[in-house]
C-alpha atoms as a PDB file:
ATOM      1  CA  MET A   1     -31.825 -29.723  16.838  1.00  0.00           C
ATOM      2  CA  ARG A   2     -28.070 -30.113  16.592  1.00  0.00           C
ATOM      3  CA  LEU A   3     -28.317 -31.245  12.968  1.00  0.00           C
ATOM      4  CA  ARG A   4     -30.454 -28.243  12.094  1.00  0.00           C
ATOM      5  CA  GLU A   5     -27.988 -25.853  13.753  1.00  0.00           C
ATOM      6  CA  LYS A   6     -25.096 -27.436  11.846  1.00  0.00           C
ATOM      7  CA  LYS A   7     -26.959 -27.086   8.552  1.00  0.00           C
ATOM      8  CA  GLU A   8     -27.680 -23.417   9.244  1.00  0.00           C
ATOM      9  CA  ILE A   9     -24.012 -22.740  10.020  1.00  0.00           C
ATOM     10  CA  ARG A  10     -22.999 -24.319   6.703  1.00  0.00           C
ATOM     11  CA  ARG A  11     -25.647 -22.373   4.870  1.00  0.00           C
ATOM     12  CA  TYR A  12     -24.497 -19.009   6.264  1.00  0.00           C
ATOM     13  CA  ARG A  13     -20.785 -19.789   6.285  1.00  0.00           C
ATOM     14  CA  ARG A  14     -19.809 -17.155   3.712  1.00  0.00           C
ATOM     15  CA  PHE A  15     -21.734 -14.135   5.056  1.00  0.00           C
ATOM     16  CA  ASN A  16     -22.492 -15.082   8.626  1.00  0.00           C
ATOM     17  CA  GLY A  17     -23.947 -12.084  10.427  1.00  0.00           C
ATOM     18  CA  TYR A  18     -25.230 -10.189   7.397  1.00  0.00           C
ATOM     19  CA  ASP A  19     -28.940  -9.328   7.505  1.00  0.00           C
ATOM     20  CA  TYR A  20     -30.179 -10.353   4.064  1.00  0.00           C
ATOM     21  CA  THR A  21     -33.631  -8.914   4.756  1.00  0.00           C
ATOM     22  CA  ARG A  22     -31.995  -5.538   4.072  1.00  0.00           C
ATOM     23  CA  GLY A  23     -31.469  -6.643   0.492  1.00  0.00           C
ATOM     24  CA  ALA A  24     -28.182  -7.648  -1.099  1.00  0.00           C
ATOM     25  CA  ALA A  25     -26.227  -7.158  -4.316  1.00  0.00           C
ATOM     26  CA  LEU A  26     -24.602 -10.451  -5.306  1.00  0.00           C
ATOM     27  CA  PHE A  27     -22.021 -11.550  -7.840  1.00  0.00           C
ATOM     28  CA  ILE A  28     -22.829 -15.149  -8.833  1.00  0.00           C
ATOM     29  CA  THR A  29     -20.950 -17.623 -10.993  1.00  0.00           C
ATOM     30  CA  ILE A  30     -22.429 -20.898 -12.259  1.00  0.00           C
ATOM     31  CA  VAL A  31     -20.128 -23.341 -14.034  1.00  0.00           C
ATOM     32  CA  THR A  32     -20.748 -26.242 -16.415  1.00  0.00           C
ATOM     33  CA  ASN A  33     -19.772 -29.773 -15.446  1.00  0.00           C
ATOM     34  CA  PRO A  34     -16.867 -30.396 -15.962  1.00  0.00           C
ATOM     35  CA  ARG A  35     -16.101 -26.958 -17.476  1.00  0.00           C
ATOM     36  CA  ARG A  36     -17.396 -28.047 -20.875  1.00  0.00           C
ATOM     37  CA  ARG A  37     -17.615 -25.239 -23.413  1.00  0.00           C
ATOM     38  CA  LEU A  38     -21.217 -25.855 -24.364  1.00  0.00           C
ATOM     39  CA  PHE A  39     -22.572 -22.349 -24.824  1.00  0.00           C
ATOM     40  CA  GLY A  40     -20.418 -21.160 -27.740  1.00  0.00           C
ATOM     41  CA  GLU A  41     -17.010 -19.786 -28.577  1.00  0.00           C
ATOM     42  CA  ILE A  42     -15.479 -16.357 -28.151  1.00  0.00           C
ATOM     43  CA  VAL A  43     -14.742 -14.661 -31.465  1.00  0.00           C
ATOM     44  CA  ASP A  44     -13.609 -11.011 -31.582  1.00  0.00           C
ATOM     45  CA  ALA A  45     -14.433 -10.604 -27.888  1.00  0.00           C
ATOM     46  CA  ARG A  46     -18.045 -11.745 -28.335  1.00  0.00           C
ATOM     47  CA  LEU A  47     -19.750 -15.065 -27.683  1.00  0.00           C
ATOM     48  CA  ARG A  48     -20.788 -16.857 -30.848  1.00  0.00           C
ATOM     49  CA  ARG A  49     -23.652 -18.727 -29.206  1.00  0.00           C
ATOM     50  CA  THR A  50     -24.715 -22.304 -29.759  1.00  0.00           C
ATOM     51  CA  ALA A  51     -28.382 -23.261 -29.576  1.00  0.00           C
ATOM     52  CA  LEU A  52     -27.834 -24.089 -25.915  1.00  0.00           C
ATOM     53  CA  GLY A  53     -26.134 -20.736 -25.344  1.00  0.00           C
ATOM     54  CA  LEU A  54     -29.190 -18.987 -26.781  1.00  0.00           C
ATOM     55  CA  ALA A  55     -31.433 -21.081 -24.530  1.00  0.00           C
ATOM     56  CA  VAL A  56     -29.388 -20.097 -21.460  1.00  0.00           C
ATOM     57  CA  GLU A  57     -29.769 -16.415 -22.305  1.00  0.00           C
ATOM     58  CA  SER A  58     -33.510 -16.948 -22.694  1.00  0.00           C
ATOM     59  CA  ARG A  59     -33.669 -18.592 -19.254  1.00  0.00           C
ATOM     60  CA  LEU A  60     -31.806 -15.631 -17.764  1.00  0.00           C
ATOM     61  CA  ALA A  61     -34.458 -13.335 -19.169  1.00  0.00           C
ATOM     62  CA  GLU A  62     -37.042 -15.481 -17.386  1.00  0.00           C
ATOM     63  CA  MET A  63     -35.066 -15.243 -14.137  1.00  0.00           C
ATOM     64  CA  ALA A  64     -35.326 -11.463 -14.346  1.00  0.00           C
ATOM     65  CA  GLN A  65     -39.121 -11.869 -13.972  1.00  0.00           C
ATOM     66  CA  MET A  66     -38.929 -14.006 -10.820  1.00  0.00           C
ATOM     67  CA  PRO A  67     -40.313 -12.432  -7.621  1.00  0.00           C
ATOM     68  CA  GLY A  68     -37.829 -11.174  -5.053  1.00  0.00           C
ATOM     69  CA  VAL A  69     -34.822 -10.879  -7.359  1.00  0.00           C
ATOM     70  CA  CYS A  70     -33.606  -8.323  -9.885  1.00  0.00           C
ATOM     71  CA  LEU A  71     -31.036  -9.219 -12.535  1.00  0.00           C
ATOM     72  CA  PHE A  72     -28.863  -6.174 -13.208  1.00  0.00           C
ATOM     73  CA  ASN A  73     -26.179  -7.612 -15.446  1.00  0.00           C
ATOM     74  CA  PHE A  74     -24.990 -10.941 -16.797  1.00  0.00           C
ATOM     75  CA  VAL A  75     -22.702 -12.568 -19.320  1.00  0.00           C
ATOM     76  CA  VAL A  76     -22.831 -16.052 -20.803  1.00  0.00           C
ATOM     77  CA  MET A  77     -19.369 -17.478 -21.432  1.00  0.00           C
ATOM     78  CA  PRO A  78     -18.440 -20.767 -23.171  1.00  0.00           C
ATOM     79  CA  ASP A  79     -18.401 -22.764 -19.918  1.00  0.00           C
ATOM     80  CA  HIS A  80     -19.905 -20.524 -17.228  1.00  0.00           C
ATOM     81  CA  VAL A  81     -22.329 -17.735 -16.474  1.00  0.00           C
ATOM     82  CA  HIS A  82     -21.740 -14.585 -14.404  1.00  0.00           C
ATOM     83  CA  LEU A  83     -24.677 -12.732 -12.856  1.00  0.00           C
ATOM     84  CA  GLN A  84     -25.022  -9.506 -10.928  1.00  0.00           C
ATOM     85  CA  LEU A  85     -28.216 -10.103  -9.026  1.00  0.00           C
ATOM     86  CA  HIS A  86     -30.017  -8.096  -6.358  1.00  0.00           C
ATOM     87  CA  LEU A  87     -32.153  -9.581  -3.608  1.00  0.00           C
ATOM     88  CA  ARG A  88     -34.979  -7.222  -2.768  1.00  0.00           C
ATOM     89  CA  ALA A  89     -35.233  -5.805   0.719  1.00  0.00           C
ATOM     90  CA  GLY A  90     -37.940  -7.036   3.089  1.00  0.00           C
ATOM     91  CA  LEU A  91     -38.044 -10.672   1.987  1.00  0.00           C
ATOM     92  CA  GLN A  92     -39.058 -13.060   4.749  1.00  0.00           C
ATOM     93  CA  ASP A  93     -36.444 -15.674   3.846  1.00  0.00           C
ATOM     94  CA  PRO A  94     -34.177 -14.081   1.239  1.00  0.00           C
ATOM     95  CA  LEU A  95     -31.683 -16.949   0.949  1.00  0.00           C
ATOM     96  CA  VAL A  96     -34.509 -19.370   0.191  1.00  0.00           C
ATOM     97  CA  VAL A  97     -35.700 -16.957  -2.528  1.00  0.00           C
ATOM     98  CA  LEU A  98     -32.171 -16.817  -3.924  1.00  0.00           C
ATOM     99  CA  GLY A  99     -31.782 -20.604  -3.871  1.00  0.00           C
ATOM    100  CA  ARG A 100     -35.100 -21.122  -5.632  1.00  0.00           C
ATOM    101  CA  ALA A 101     -34.255 -18.579  -8.351  1.00  0.00           C
ATOM    102  CA  ILE A 102     -30.861 -20.118  -9.070  1.00  0.00           C
ATOM    103  CA  GLY A 103     -32.236 -23.640  -8.769  1.00  0.00           C
ATOM    104  CA  ALA A 104     -35.061 -22.939 -11.212  1.00  0.00           C
ATOM    105  CA  PHE A 105     -32.633 -21.386 -13.706  1.00  0.00           C
ATOM    106  CA  LYS A 106     -30.255 -24.348 -13.507  1.00  0.00           C
ATOM    107  CA  SER A 107     -33.083 -26.880 -13.828  1.00  0.00           C
ATOM    108  CA  LEU A 108     -34.623 -25.230 -16.872  1.00  0.00           C
ATOM    109  CA  CYS A 109     -31.209 -24.941 -18.568  1.00  0.00           C
ATOM    110  CA  ALA A 110     -30.531 -28.627 -17.819  1.00  0.00           C
ATOM    111  CA  LYS A 111     -33.864 -29.498 -19.419  1.00  0.00           C
ATOM    112  CA  ASP A 112     -32.849 -27.537 -22.535  1.00  0.00           C
ATOM    113  CA  PHE A 113     -29.469 -29.269 -22.525  1.00  0.00           C
ATOM    114  CA  HIS A 114     -31.011 -32.750 -22.460  1.00  0.00           C
ATOM    115  CA  GLU A 115     -33.486 -31.904 -25.208  1.00  0.00           C
ATOM    116  CA  LEU A 116     -30.962 -30.213 -27.499  1.00  0.00           C
ATOM    117  CA  THR A 117     -28.106 -32.683 -27.119  1.00  0.00           C
ATOM    118  CA  GLY A 118     -29.809 -35.948 -26.184  1.00  0.00           C
ATOM    119  CA  GLU A 119     -27.348 -36.332 -23.302  1.00  0.00           C
ATOM    120  CA  SER A 120     -28.513 -37.445 -19.873  1.00  0.00           C
ATOM    121  CA  GLY A 121     -25.667 -36.271 -17.631  1.00  0.00           C
ATOM    122  CA  PRO A 122     -25.531 -33.105 -15.510  1.00  0.00           C
ATOM    123  CA  LEU A 123     -25.147 -29.738 -17.193  1.00  0.00           C
ATOM    124  CA  TRP A 124     -23.919 -27.787 -14.164  1.00  0.00           C
ATOM    125  CA  GLN A 125     -21.496 -28.284 -11.345  1.00  0.00           C
ATOM    126  CA  GLN A 126     -23.202 -28.615  -7.977  1.00  0.00           C
ATOM    127  CA  GLY A 127     -24.142 -25.342  -6.300  1.00  0.00           C
ATOM    128  CA  TYR A 128     -22.840 -21.942  -7.332  1.00  0.00           C
ATOM    129  CA  HIS A 129     -20.251 -19.390  -6.259  1.00  0.00           C
ATOM    130  CA  ASP A 130     -21.556 -16.184  -4.728  1.00  0.00           C
ATOM    131  CA  TRP A 131     -19.977 -13.042  -3.341  1.00  0.00           C
ATOM    132  CA  ILE A 132     -21.765 -10.176  -1.684  1.00  0.00           C
ATOM    133  CA  CYS A 133     -21.035  -6.685  -3.009  1.00  0.00           C
ATOM    134  CA  VAL A 134     -20.516  -4.622   0.115  1.00  0.00           C
ATOM    135  CA  SER A 135     -20.019  -1.226  -1.539  1.00  0.00           C
ATOM    136  CA  GLU A 136     -20.809   0.793  -4.649  1.00  0.00           C
ATOM    137  CA  LYS A 137     -17.141   0.463  -5.590  1.00  0.00           C
ATOM    138  CA  MET A 138     -17.402  -3.328  -5.561  1.00  0.00           C
ATOM    139  CA  ILE A 139     -20.652  -3.243  -7.551  1.00  0.00           C
ATOM    140  CA  ALA A 140     -18.911  -1.111 -10.194  1.00  0.00           C
ATOM    141  CA  ALA A 141     -15.947  -3.511 -10.238  1.00  0.00           C
ATOM    142  CA  VAL A 142     -18.269  -6.482 -10.749  1.00  0.00           C
ATOM    143  CA  ASN A 143     -20.008  -4.675 -13.594  1.00  0.00           C
ATOM    144  CA  ARG A 144     -16.658  -4.053 -15.273  1.00  0.00           C
ATOM    145  CA  TYR A 145     -15.648  -7.669 -14.742  1.00  0.00           C
ATOM    146  CA  ILE A 146     -18.862  -8.912 -16.359  1.00  0.00           C
ATOM    147  CA  ASP A 147     -18.691  -6.477 -19.268  1.00  0.00           C
ATOM    148  CA  TYR A 148     -15.048  -7.233 -20.054  1.00  0.00           C
ATOM    149  CA  ASN A 149     -15.180 -10.991 -19.469  1.00  0.00           C
ATOM    150  CA  PRO A 150     -15.472 -11.918 -23.191  1.00  0.00           C
ATOM    151  CA  LEU A 151     -12.530  -9.661 -24.041  1.00  0.00           C
ATOM    152  CA  LYS A 152     -10.535 -11.142 -21.169  1.00  0.00           C
ATOM    153  CA  PHE A 153     -11.251 -14.631 -22.511  1.00  0.00           C
ATOM    154  CA  GLU A 154     -10.279 -13.537 -26.023  1.00  0.00           C
ATOM    155  CA  LEU A 155      -6.928 -12.152 -24.895  1.00  0.00           C
ATOM    156  CA  ARG A 156      -6.121 -14.979 -22.529  1.00  0.00           C
ATOM    157  CA  TYR A 157      -6.938 -17.909 -24.820  1.00  0.00           C
ATOM    158  CA  ASN A 158      -7.132 -16.644 -28.410  1.00  0.00           C
ATOM    159  CA  GLN A 159      -4.506 -13.868 -28.366  1.00  0.00           C
ATOM    160  CA  PRO A 160      -2.286 -14.585 -25.351  1.00  0.00           C
ATOM    161  CA  GLU A 161       0.531 -12.409 -26.686  1.00  0.00           C
ATOM    162  CA  PHE A 162      -1.319  -9.316 -25.471  1.00  0.00           C
ATOM    163  CA  LEU A 163      -1.157 -10.421 -21.816  1.00  0.00           C
ATOM    164  CA  ALA A 164       2.231 -12.125 -21.925  1.00  0.00           C
ATOM    165  CA  ILE A 165       4.879 -10.632 -19.641  1.00  0.00           C
ATOM    166  CA  ARG A 166       7.827  -9.268 -21.603  1.00  0.00           C
ATOM    167  CA  GLU A 167      11.196  -9.264 -19.873  1.00  0.00           C
ATOM    168  CA  PRO A 168      13.601  -7.673 -19.865  1.00  0.00           C
ATOM    169  CA  ILE A 169      12.279  -4.569 -21.601  1.00  0.00           C
ATOM    170  CA  ALA A 170      14.842  -2.781 -23.741  1.00  0.00           C
ATOM    171  CA  ALA A 171      13.801   0.813 -24.496  1.00  0.00           C
ATOM    172  CA  TRP A 172      15.719   4.045 -24.792  1.00  0.00           C
ATOM    173  CA  ARG A 173      13.697   5.611 -21.965  1.00  0.00           C
ATOM    174  CA  LEU A 174      14.736   2.870 -19.517  1.00  0.00           C
ATOM    175  CA  PRO A 175      18.222   2.755 -17.964  1.00  0.00           C
ATOM    176  CA  SER A 176      20.116  -0.125 -19.556  1.00  0.00           C
ATOM    177  CA  GLU A 177      21.509  -1.246 -16.190  1.00  0.00           C
ATOM    178  CA  GLU A 178      18.027  -1.807 -14.692  1.00  0.00           C
ATOM    179  CA  PHE A 179      15.779  -4.840 -15.136  1.00  0.00           C
ATOM    180  CA  TRP A 180      12.205  -4.089 -16.189  1.00  0.00           C
ATOM    181  CA  ARG A 181       9.302  -6.317 -17.131  1.00  0.00           C
ATOM    182  CA  GLY A 182       5.925  -5.327 -18.462  1.00  0.00           C
ATOM    183  CA  ILE A 183       2.623  -6.206 -20.079  1.00  0.00           C
ATOM    184  CA  GLY A 184       0.910  -4.521 -22.992  1.00  0.00           C
ATOM    185  CA  ALA A 185       2.217  -1.876 -25.366  1.00  0.00           C
ATOM    186  CA  VAL A 186       5.696  -1.612 -23.840  1.00  0.00           C
ATOM    187  CA  ASP A 187       6.900  -0.284 -27.208  1.00  0.00           C
ATOM    188  CA  LEU A 188       5.414   3.057 -26.085  1.00  0.00           C
ATOM    189  CA  LEU A 189       8.615   3.376 -24.035  1.00  0.00           C
ATOM    190  CA  ASP A 190      10.701   3.135 -27.210  1.00  0.00           C
ATOM    191  CA  GLY A 191       8.711   5.593 -29.295  1.00  0.00           C
ATOM    192  CA  ASP A 192       9.189   9.307 -29.902  1.00  0.00           C
ATOM    193  CA  ALA A 193       5.860  10.484 -28.451  1.00  0.00           C
ATOM    194  CA  PRO A 194       6.386  12.909 -25.548  1.00  0.00           C
ATOM    195  CA  PHE A 195       5.753  11.527 -22.065  1.00  0.00           C
ATOM    196  CA  LEU A 196       3.983  13.457 -19.349  1.00  0.00           C
ATOM    197  CA  ALA A 197       4.394  12.215 -15.776  1.00  0.00           C
ATOM    198  CA  LEU A 198       1.339  13.109 -13.745  1.00  0.00           C
ATOM    199  CA  ARG A 199       0.932  13.244  -9.984  1.00  0.00           C
ATOM    200  CA  ILE A 200      -2.278  14.525  -8.395  1.00  0.00           C
ATOM    201  CA  SER A 201      -2.534  15.576  -4.764  1.00  0.00           C
ATOM    202  CA  ARG A 202      -4.929  13.749  -2.479  1.00  0.00           C
ATOM    203  CA  ARG A 203      -6.065  17.167  -1.225  1.00  0.00           C
ATOM    204  CA  LEU A 204      -8.078  17.900  -4.355  1.00  0.00           C
ATOM    205  CA  SER A 205     -11.830  18.072  -3.895  1.00  0.00           C
ATOM    206  CA  SER A 206     -14.211  16.127  -6.127  1.00  0.00           C
ATOM    207  CA  ARG A 207     -14.876  19.306  -8.109  1.00  0.00           C
ATOM    208  CA  GLN A 208     -11.173  19.974  -8.566  1.00  0.00           C
ATOM    209  CA  ILE A 209     -10.577  16.386  -9.690  1.00  0.00           C
ATOM    210  CA  ALA A 210     -13.332  16.767 -12.278  1.00  0.00           C
ATOM    211  CA  GLU A 211     -11.714  19.993 -13.515  1.00  0.00           C
ATOM    212  CA  ALA A 212      -8.313  18.287 -13.768  1.00  0.00           C
ATOM    213  CA  VAL A 213      -9.792  15.401 -15.741  1.00  0.00           C
ATOM    214  CA  SER A 214     -11.540  17.834 -18.086  1.00  0.00           C
ATOM    215  CA  HIS A 215      -8.318  19.770 -18.614  1.00  0.00           C
ATOM    216  CA  ILE A 216      -6.266  16.655 -19.297  1.00  0.00           C
ATOM    217  CA  ARG A 217      -8.941  15.234 -21.611  1.00  0.00           C
ATOM    218  CA  ARG A 218      -8.289  18.102 -24.022  1.00  0.00           C
ATOM    219  CA  ARG A 219      -4.659  17.009 -24.338  1.00  0.00           C
ATOM    220  CA  VAL A 220      -5.221  13.243 -24.574  1.00  0.00           C
ATOM    221  CA  GLY A 221      -3.837  12.784 -28.067  1.00  0.00           C
ATOM    222  CA  ASP A 222      -0.662  14.792 -27.434  1.00  0.00           C
ATOM    223  CA  TYR A 223       1.116  12.692 -24.802  1.00  0.00           C
ATOM    224  CA  VAL A 224       1.749   9.303 -23.319  1.00  0.00           C
ATOM    225  CA  PHE A 225       0.761   9.756 -19.671  1.00  0.00           C
ATOM    226  CA  VAL A 226       2.876   7.902 -17.113  1.00  0.00           C
ATOM    227  CA  GLY A 227       2.477   7.455 -13.363  1.00  0.00           C
ATOM    228  CA  GLY A 228       1.500   5.170 -10.538  1.00  0.00           C
ATOM    229  CA  TRP A 229      -2.201   6.133 -10.721  1.00  0.00           C
ATOM    230  CA  ILE A 230      -2.668   5.772  -6.968  1.00  0.00           C
ATOM    231  CA  SER A 231      -4.487   8.839  -5.592  1.00  0.00           C
ATOM    232  CA  PRO A 232      -8.228   9.368  -6.248  1.00  0.00           C
ATOM    233  CA  GLY A 233      -7.447  12.092  -8.772  1.00  0.00           C
ATOM    234  CA  GLU A 234      -4.903   9.932 -10.564  1.00  0.00           C
ATOM    235  CA  LYS A 235      -7.365   7.050 -10.733  1.00  0.00           C
ATOM    236  CA  ALA A 236      -9.991   9.368 -12.239  1.00  0.00           C
ATOM    237  CA  VAL A 237      -7.519  10.438 -14.949  1.00  0.00           C
ATOM    238  CA  ARG A 238      -6.480   6.818 -15.488  1.00  0.00           C
ATOM    239  CA  ASP A 239     -10.086   5.738 -16.035  1.00  0.00           C
ATOM    240  CA  MET A 240     -10.619   8.579 -18.492  1.00  0.00           C
ATOM    241  CA  LEU A 241      -7.463   7.713 -20.443  1.00  0.00           C
ATOM    242  CA  LEU A 242      -8.382   4.032 -20.630  1.00  0.00           C
ATOM    243  CA  ALA A 243     -11.849   4.900 -21.922  1.00  0.00           C
ATOM    244  CA  GLU A 244     -10.637   7.416 -24.518  1.00  0.00           C
ATOM    245  CA  PRO A 245      -9.813   5.760 -27.873  1.00  0.00           C
ATOM    246  CA  ARG A 246      -6.756   8.029 -28.252  1.00  0.00           C
ATOM    247  CA  GLY A 247      -5.606   7.764 -24.647  1.00  0.00           C
ATOM    248  CA  ARG A 248      -2.095   6.376 -24.149  1.00  0.00           C
ATOM    249  CA  ILE A 249      -0.998   5.415 -20.672  1.00  0.00           C
ATOM    250  CA  VAL A 250       1.834   3.693 -18.819  1.00  0.00           C
ATOM    251  CA  GLN A 251       1.423   2.494 -15.247  1.00  0.00           C
ATOM    252  CA  ILE A 252       4.464   1.921 -13.034  1.00  0.00           C
ATOM    253  CA  LEU A 253       3.890  -0.614 -10.286  1.00  0.00           C
ATOM    254  CA  PRO A 254       5.495   0.232  -6.913  1.00  0.00           C
ATOM    255  CA  SER A 255       6.683  -3.360  -6.522  1.00  0.00           C
ATOM    256  CA  ALA A 256       8.040  -6.113  -8.749  1.00  0.00           C
ATOM    257  CA  MET A 257       5.640  -7.681 -11.242  1.00  0.00           C
ATOM    258  CA  PRO A 258       5.071 -11.357 -10.346  1.00  0.00           C
ATOM    259  CA  HIS A 259       5.043 -13.898 -13.160  1.00  0.00           C
ATOM    260  CA  ASP A 260       1.362 -14.618 -12.524  1.00  0.00           C
ATOM    261  CA  TYR A 261       0.368 -10.948 -12.679  1.00  0.00           C
ATOM    262  CA  ARG A 262      -3.211 -10.433 -13.891  1.00  0.00           C
ATOM    263  CA  VAL A 263      -4.210  -7.308 -15.767  1.00  0.00           C
ATOM    264  CA  GLY A 264      -7.333  -5.634 -14.367  1.00  0.00           C
ATOM    265  CA  SER A 265     -10.463  -5.690 -16.515  1.00  0.00           C
ATOM    266  CA  MET A 266     -10.462  -1.949 -17.140  1.00  0.00           C
ATOM    267  CA  TRP A 267      -7.052  -2.221 -18.858  1.00  0.00           C
ATOM    268  CA  LEU A 268      -7.941  -4.971 -21.309  1.00  0.00           C
ATOM    269  CA  GLU A 269      -9.404  -2.876 -24.125  1.00  0.00           C
ATOM    270  CA  ALA A 270      -6.538  -0.380 -24.046  1.00  0.00           C
ATOM    271  CA  VAL A 271      -3.973  -3.214 -23.936  1.00  0.00           C
ATOM    272  CA  ARG A 272      -5.617  -4.852 -26.954  1.00  0.00           C
ATOM    273  CA  ASP A 273      -5.548  -1.507 -28.792  1.00  0.00           C
ATOM    274  CA  ARG A 274      -1.809  -1.174 -28.036  1.00  0.00           C
ATOM    275  CA  ARG A 275      -2.152   2.069 -26.128  1.00  0.00           C
ATOM    276  CA  ALA A 276      -1.536   0.935 -22.558  1.00  0.00           C
ATOM    277  CA  ALA A 277       1.341  -0.718 -20.730  1.00  0.00           C
ATOM    278  CA  ILE A 278       1.976  -1.794 -17.141  1.00  0.00           C
ATOM    279  CA  ILE A 279       5.628  -1.992 -16.108  1.00  0.00           C
ATOM    280  CA  ALA A 280       7.624  -2.776 -12.966  1.00  0.00           C
ATOM    281  CA  ARG A 281      11.292  -2.584 -12.038  1.00  0.00           C
ATOM    282  CA  GLY A 282      13.400  -5.310 -10.481  1.00  0.00           C
ATOM    283  CA  ASN A 283      12.561  -8.658  -8.926  1.00  0.00           C
ATOM    284  CA  SER A 284      12.063  -7.653  -5.283  1.00  0.00           C
ATOM    285  CA  GLU A 285       8.687  -7.137  -3.675  1.00  0.00           C
ATOM    286  CA  VAL A 286       8.276  -3.780  -1.970  1.00  0.00           C
ATOM    287  CA  GLU A 287       5.827  -3.064   0.833  1.00  0.00           C
ATOM    288  CA  PHE A 288       3.158  -0.619  -0.299  1.00  0.00           C
ATOM    289  CA  SER A 289       3.910   2.648   1.484  1.00  0.00           C
ATOM    290  CA  ARG A 290       4.099   6.393   0.960  1.00  0.00           C
ATOM    291  CA  ALA A 291       7.799   6.070   0.270  1.00  0.00           C
ATOM    292  CA  ALA A 292       7.138   3.497  -2.460  1.00  0.00           C
ATOM    293  CA  CYS A 293       4.517   5.772  -4.042  1.00  0.00           C
ATOM    294  CA  LEU A 294       6.890   8.748  -3.995  1.00  0.00           C
ATOM    295  CA  GLU A 295       9.558   6.634  -5.669  1.00  0.00           C
ATOM    296  CA  VAL A 296       7.091   5.716  -8.432  1.00  0.00           C
ATOM    297  CA  ASN A 297       6.429   9.421  -9.010  1.00  0.00           C
ATOM    298  CA  GLU A 298      10.174  10.094  -9.205  1.00  0.00           C
ATOM    299  CA  VAL A 299      10.701   7.283 -11.700  1.00  0.00           C
ATOM    300  CA  ALA A 300       7.783   8.542 -13.821  1.00  0.00           C
ATOM    301  CA  ALA A 301       9.288  12.021 -13.870  1.00  0.00           C
ATOM    302  CA  GLU A 302      12.667  10.583 -14.888  1.00  0.00           C
ATOM    303  CA  LEU A 303      11.110   8.655 -17.777  1.00  0.00           C
ATOM    304  CA  ALA A 304       9.249  11.744 -18.969  1.00  0.00           C
ATOM    305  CA  ALA A 305      12.369  13.904 -18.827  1.00  0.00           C
ATOM    306  CA  GLN A 306      14.511  11.595 -20.978  1.00  0.00           C
ATOM    307  CA  ALA A 307      15.848  13.239 -24.119  1.00  0.00           C
ATOM    308  CA  LEU A 308      15.338  11.620 -27.492  1.00  0.00           C
ATOM    309  CA  PRO A 309      18.263   9.457 -28.652  1.00  0.00           C
ATOM    310  CA  SER A 310      19.232  12.173 -31.140  1.00  0.00           C
ATOM    311  CA  GLY A 311      20.069  14.393 -28.187  1.00  0.00           C
ATOM    312  CA  GLN A 312      17.783  17.146 -29.439  1.00  0.00           C
ATOM    313  CA  GLY A 313      15.366  16.721 -26.565  1.00  0.00           C
ATOM    314  CA  LEU A 314      11.629  17.295 -26.618  1.00  0.00           C
ATOM    315  CA  ALA A 315      10.493  20.687 -27.824  1.00  0.00           C
ATOM    316  CA  LEU A 316       8.164  22.485 -25.446  1.00  0.00           C
ATOM    317  CA  PRO A 317       5.091  24.113 -27.007  1.00  0.00           C
ATOM    318  CA  SER A 318       4.396  27.768 -26.345  1.00  0.00           C
ATOM    319  CA  GLU A 319       0.890  27.110 -25.056  1.00  0.00           C
ATOM    320  CA  ARG A 320       0.465  27.791 -21.344  1.00  0.00           C
ATOM    321  CA  GLY A 321      -0.877  25.370 -18.766  1.00  0.00           C
ATOM    322  CA  LEU A 322      -0.571  21.604 -18.898  1.00  0.00           C
ATOM    323  CA  ALA A 323       0.786  21.577 -22.442  1.00  0.00           C
ATOM    324  CA  ALA A 324       3.886  23.424 -21.220  1.00  0.00           C
ATOM    325  CA  ALA A 325       4.881  20.238 -19.387  1.00  0.00           C
ATOM    326  CA  CYS A 326       5.573  18.294 -22.580  1.00  0.00           C
ATOM    327  CA  GLY A 327       8.323  15.831 -21.771  1.00  0.00           C
ATOM    328  CA  LYS A 328       8.289  16.875 -18.126  1.00  0.00           C
ATOM    329  CA  ALA A 329       6.291  16.144 -14.986  1.00  0.00           C
ATOM    330  CA  VAL A 330       3.229  17.846 -13.508  1.00  0.00           C
ATOM    331  CA  TYR A 331       2.183  17.858  -9.874  1.00  0.00           C
ATOM    332  CA  TRP A 332      -1.481  18.850  -9.697  1.00  0.00           C
ATOM    333  CA  LEU A 333      -2.214  20.691  -6.448  1.00  0.00           C
ATOM    334  CA  PRO A 334      -5.463  22.275  -5.170  1.00  0.00           C
ATOM    335  CA  GLU A 335      -4.221  25.613  -6.508  1.00  0.00           C
ATOM    336  CA  GLY A 336      -3.587  24.107  -9.935  1.00  0.00           C
ATOM    337  CA  PRO A 337      -0.939  22.215 -11.956  1.00  0.00           C
ATOM    338  CA  ARG A 338       2.725  22.850 -11.180  1.00  0.00           C
ATOM    339  CA  LEU A 339       5.580  21.954 -13.486  1.00  0.00           C
ATOM    340  CA  VAL A 340       8.133  19.796 -11.709  1.00  0.00           C
ATOM    341  CA  SER A 341      11.705  20.524 -12.734  1.00  0.00           C
END
């Protein structure tokens, strides 16, 4: 009895207390042994599959037909596989169903491996890594991670210059006496495109945020947008800018950028296309607080207000509304956008 109790504790160690009979969305990673790149190579952010890589994808299609599980998304990488898998609600022993599905997939892939290569050793590392997705936000993040994983691999291993930290950054918009480091298209800070610093109040409703995004979308090609992208409205604009092929964006971190800083998946495509940069000032870590966020907004406004090196400044267009803030800063309130002097 004691041995059985100990085994059950080990089995439930990650999500002890969660009722899996309710169903569960899971992010699962299965890795080759010992991280051998057997399934192909990443070329232009896509997997150029080997025969074994094609077989693995075929086995995943078979997993999608297994009872009790639903495969929502997956990606086969050179040395691992990511899955977004859902356990159906109402299963009598859902973790047994999960174990059988993963076990069958791994066994069939190992069989393909032995037949295709003539090797007799193990294909996979023992077990698998699994995380439960506790919210729709986490499910969306996992989907992004899976979708952008080949591009992330491409930039990290094949084109590392895109994700390399550049320090110190020398640009006419940045004060020469300050130390800045950044990742991505930091040359945006040294160009002549007008900057628009954007701050959006947390008091905006969902409808008002959608209206702000729609308004800003019409001006995407005219500015480089800069800010901390912290409030819900700012994040909505950020996501739109990153998805728009013409969107240019600079994010200012409220604290120093550590040397092991990792760029989030949603930024990768824009970084590769040289239209996004993430920058941070100084070497000191700052506690995340309202004061730190306000300072980021002030810095963004200062960057946007800088005059061109010629001293002529940035000409303001005659058009009313957001476009009137060219080279300035906008604070978007529930009653509408306000130009910050």
